[in-house]
Amino acid sequence: MKLYLLPLLTGLIVGFLFALMKLPIPAPPALPGILGIVGIYLGFKLFHWMSQLWVG
């Protein structure tokens, strides 16, 4: 559970500090940003799955 809470807490703190200093958010727009991250993760998993099929 700590694996999920620590990055979330870090993101909340960074987002809060950026808003406090009136800086632009260090992330792409909400939905496209989330889809980009999901796409990167799925591409990574797909590569490992395909490489296991090729190697045997």
N, C-alpha and C. Protein backbone atom coordinates (compact mmCIF):
# COMPACT_ATOMS: atom_id res chain seq x y z
N MET A 1 0.82 -1.19 0.00
CA MET A 1 0.00 0.00 0.00
C MET A 1 0.87 1.25 0.00
N LYS A 2 2.03 1.15 0.67
CA LYS A 2 2.93 2.29 0.72
C LYS A 2 3.44 2.64 -0.67
N LEU A 3 3.54 1.64 -1.53
CA LEU A 3 3.99 1.84 -2.91
C LEU A 3 3.06 2.79 -3.66
N TYR A 4 1.79 2.85 -3.31
CA TYR A 4 0.82 3.71 -3.97
C TYR A 4 0.64 5.04 -3.25
N LEU A 5 0.72 5.02 -1.94
CA LEU A 5 0.47 6.24 -1.17
C LEU A 5 1.63 7.24 -1.24
N LEU A 6 2.84 6.75 -1.26
CA LEU A 6 4.01 7.64 -1.29
C LEU A 6 4.07 8.48 -2.57
N PRO A 7 3.91 7.89 -3.77
CA PRO A 7 3.90 8.73 -4.97
C PRO A 7 2.71 9.69 -5.00
N LEU A 8 1.56 9.27 -4.49
CA LEU A 8 0.40 10.15 -4.44
C LEU A 8 0.66 11.34 -3.53
N LEU A 9 1.22 11.07 -2.37
CA LEU A 9 1.55 12.15 -1.42
C LEU A 9 2.59 13.09 -2.02
N THR A 10 3.59 12.55 -2.67
CA THR A 10 4.62 13.37 -3.31
C THR A 10 4.00 14.26 -4.38
N GLY A 11 3.12 13.70 -5.20
CA GLY A 11 2.44 14.47 -6.23
C GLY A 11 1.58 15.58 -5.64
N LEU A 12 0.89 15.29 -4.57
CA LEU A 12 0.07 16.31 -3.92
C LEU A 12 0.93 17.45 -3.39
N ILE A 13 2.05 17.12 -2.78
CA ILE A 13 2.94 18.15 -2.24
C ILE A 13 3.52 19.00 -3.37
N VAL A 14 3.98 18.36 -4.44
CA VAL A 14 4.55 19.10 -5.57
C VAL A 14 3.49 19.99 -6.21
N GLY A 15 2.30 19.46 -6.42
CA GLY A 15 1.21 20.25 -6.99
C GLY A 15 0.87 21.45 -6.12
N PHE A 16 0.83 21.23 -4.82
CA PHE A 16 0.54 22.32 -3.89
C PHE A 16 1.62 23.40 -3.94
N LEU A 17 2.89 22.97 -3.96
CA LEU A 17 3.99 23.95 -4.01
C LEU A 17 3.99 24.74 -5.31
N PHE A 18 3.70 24.09 -6.42
CA PHE A 18 3.63 24.81 -7.70
C PHE A 18 2.50 25.84 -7.68
N ALA A 19 1.36 25.46 -7.11
CA ALA A 19 0.24 26.41 -7.01
C ALA A 19 0.59 27.55 -6.07
N LEU A 20 1.25 27.25 -4.98
CA LEU A 20 1.65 28.26 -4.01
C LEU A 20 2.59 29.29 -4.62
N MET A 21 3.51 28.83 -5.47
CA MET A 21 4.48 29.73 -6.11
C MET A 21 3.93 30.31 -7.42
N LYS A 22 2.66 30.00 -7.72
CA LYS A 22 1.99 30.49 -8.93
C LYS A 22 2.73 30.11 -10.21
N LEU A 23 3.21 28.88 -10.24
CA LEU A 23 3.88 28.32 -11.42
C LEU A 23 2.89 27.46 -12.19
N PRO A 24 3.10 27.28 -13.50
CA PRO A 24 2.21 26.38 -14.25
C PRO A 24 2.38 24.95 -13.77
N ILE A 25 1.32 24.20 -13.85
CA ILE A 25 1.35 22.81 -13.38
C ILE A 25 2.36 22.00 -14.21
N PRO A 26 3.18 21.19 -13.56
CA PRO A 26 4.22 20.43 -14.28
C PRO A 26 3.70 19.12 -14.87
N ALA A 27 2.52 19.18 -15.47
CA ALA A 27 1.92 17.98 -16.06
C ALA A 27 1.06 18.40 -17.24
N PRO A 28 0.86 17.50 -18.18
CA PRO A 28 -0.03 17.82 -19.31
C PRO A 28 -1.48 17.89 -18.83
N PRO A 29 -2.39 18.35 -19.69
CA PRO A 29 -3.81 18.39 -19.31
C PRO A 29 -4.28 17.04 -18.78
N ALA A 30 -5.24 17.04 -17.91
CA ALA A 30 -5.63 15.86 -17.12
C ALA A 30 -5.83 14.58 -17.93
N LEU A 31 -6.85 14.51 -18.75
CA LEU A 31 -7.14 13.25 -19.44
C LEU A 31 -6.06 12.85 -20.45
N PRO A 32 -5.59 13.77 -21.30
CA PRO A 32 -4.51 13.36 -22.21
C PRO A 32 -3.24 12.92 -21.47
N GLY A 33 -2.95 13.56 -20.36
CA GLY A 33 -1.78 13.17 -19.58
C GLY A 33 -1.91 11.78 -19.00
N ILE A 34 -3.08 11.48 -18.47
CA ILE A 34 -3.32 10.16 -17.89
C ILE A 34 -3.27 9.09 -18.99
N LEU A 35 -3.88 9.38 -20.14
CA LEU A 35 -3.85 8.41 -21.24
C LEU A 35 -2.43 8.19 -21.75
N GLY A 36 -1.62 9.25 -21.76
CA GLY A 36 -0.22 9.09 -22.17
C GLY A 36 0.55 8.19 -21.23
N ILE A 37 0.33 8.37 -19.94
CA ILE A 37 1.01 7.53 -18.94
C ILE A 37 0.55 6.08 -19.07
N VAL A 38 -0.74 5.87 -19.24
CA VAL A 38 -1.27 4.51 -19.41
C VAL A 38 -0.69 3.88 -20.68
N GLY A 39 -0.60 4.66 -21.76
CA GLY A 39 -0.03 4.15 -23.00
C GLY A 39 1.42 3.74 -22.85
N ILE A 40 2.19 4.53 -22.13
CA ILE A 40 3.60 4.18 -21.89
C ILE A 40 3.70 2.88 -21.11
N TYR A 41 2.88 2.76 -20.08
CA TYR A 41 2.89 1.54 -19.26
C TYR A 41 2.49 0.31 -20.09
N LEU A 42 1.42 0.45 -20.87
CA LEU A 42 0.97 -0.68 -21.68
C LEU A 42 2.00 -1.06 -22.75
N GLY A 43 2.65 -0.07 -23.35
CA GLY A 43 3.70 -0.36 -24.33
C GLY A 43 4.86 -1.10 -23.70
N PHE A 44 5.23 -0.70 -22.49
CA PHE A 44 6.30 -1.37 -21.76
C PHE A 44 5.93 -2.83 -21.48
N LYS A 45 4.70 -3.04 -21.00
CA LYS A 45 4.24 -4.41 -20.71
C LYS A 45 4.14 -5.24 -21.98
N LEU A 46 3.67 -4.63 -23.07
CA LEU A 46 3.55 -5.33 -24.34
C LEU A 46 4.92 -5.79 -24.84
N PHE A 47 5.91 -4.94 -24.72
CA PHE A 47 7.26 -5.32 -25.13
C PHE A 47 7.76 -6.53 -24.35
N HIS A 48 7.58 -6.51 -23.03
CA HIS A 48 8.04 -7.64 -22.23
C HIS A 48 7.27 -8.91 -22.54
N TRP A 49 5.97 -8.80 -22.79
CA TRP A 49 5.16 -9.95 -23.16
C TRP A 49 5.63 -10.53 -24.49
N MET A 50 5.86 -9.66 -25.49
CA MET A 50 6.30 -10.12 -26.81
C MET A 50 7.70 -10.69 -26.76
N SER A 51 8.58 -10.10 -25.95
CA SER A 51 9.94 -10.62 -25.87
C SER A 51 9.96 -12.00 -25.22
N GLN A 52 9.05 -12.28 -24.32
CA GLN A 52 8.97 -13.62 -23.72
C GLN A 52 8.45 -14.63 -24.74
N LEU A 53 7.55 -14.21 -25.64
CA LEU A 53 7.07 -15.11 -26.68
C LEU A 53 8.18 -15.46 -27.66
N TRP A 54 9.01 -14.47 -28.01
CA TRP A 54 10.08 -14.69 -28.98
C TRP A 54 11.18 -15.57 -28.40
N VAL A 55 11.53 -15.35 -27.14
CA VAL A 55 12.62 -16.10 -26.52
C VAL A 55 12.15 -17.50 -26.16
N GLY A 56 10.93 -17.60 -25.71
CA GLY A 56 10.39 -18.92 -25.42
C GLY A 56 10.19 -19.14 -24.02
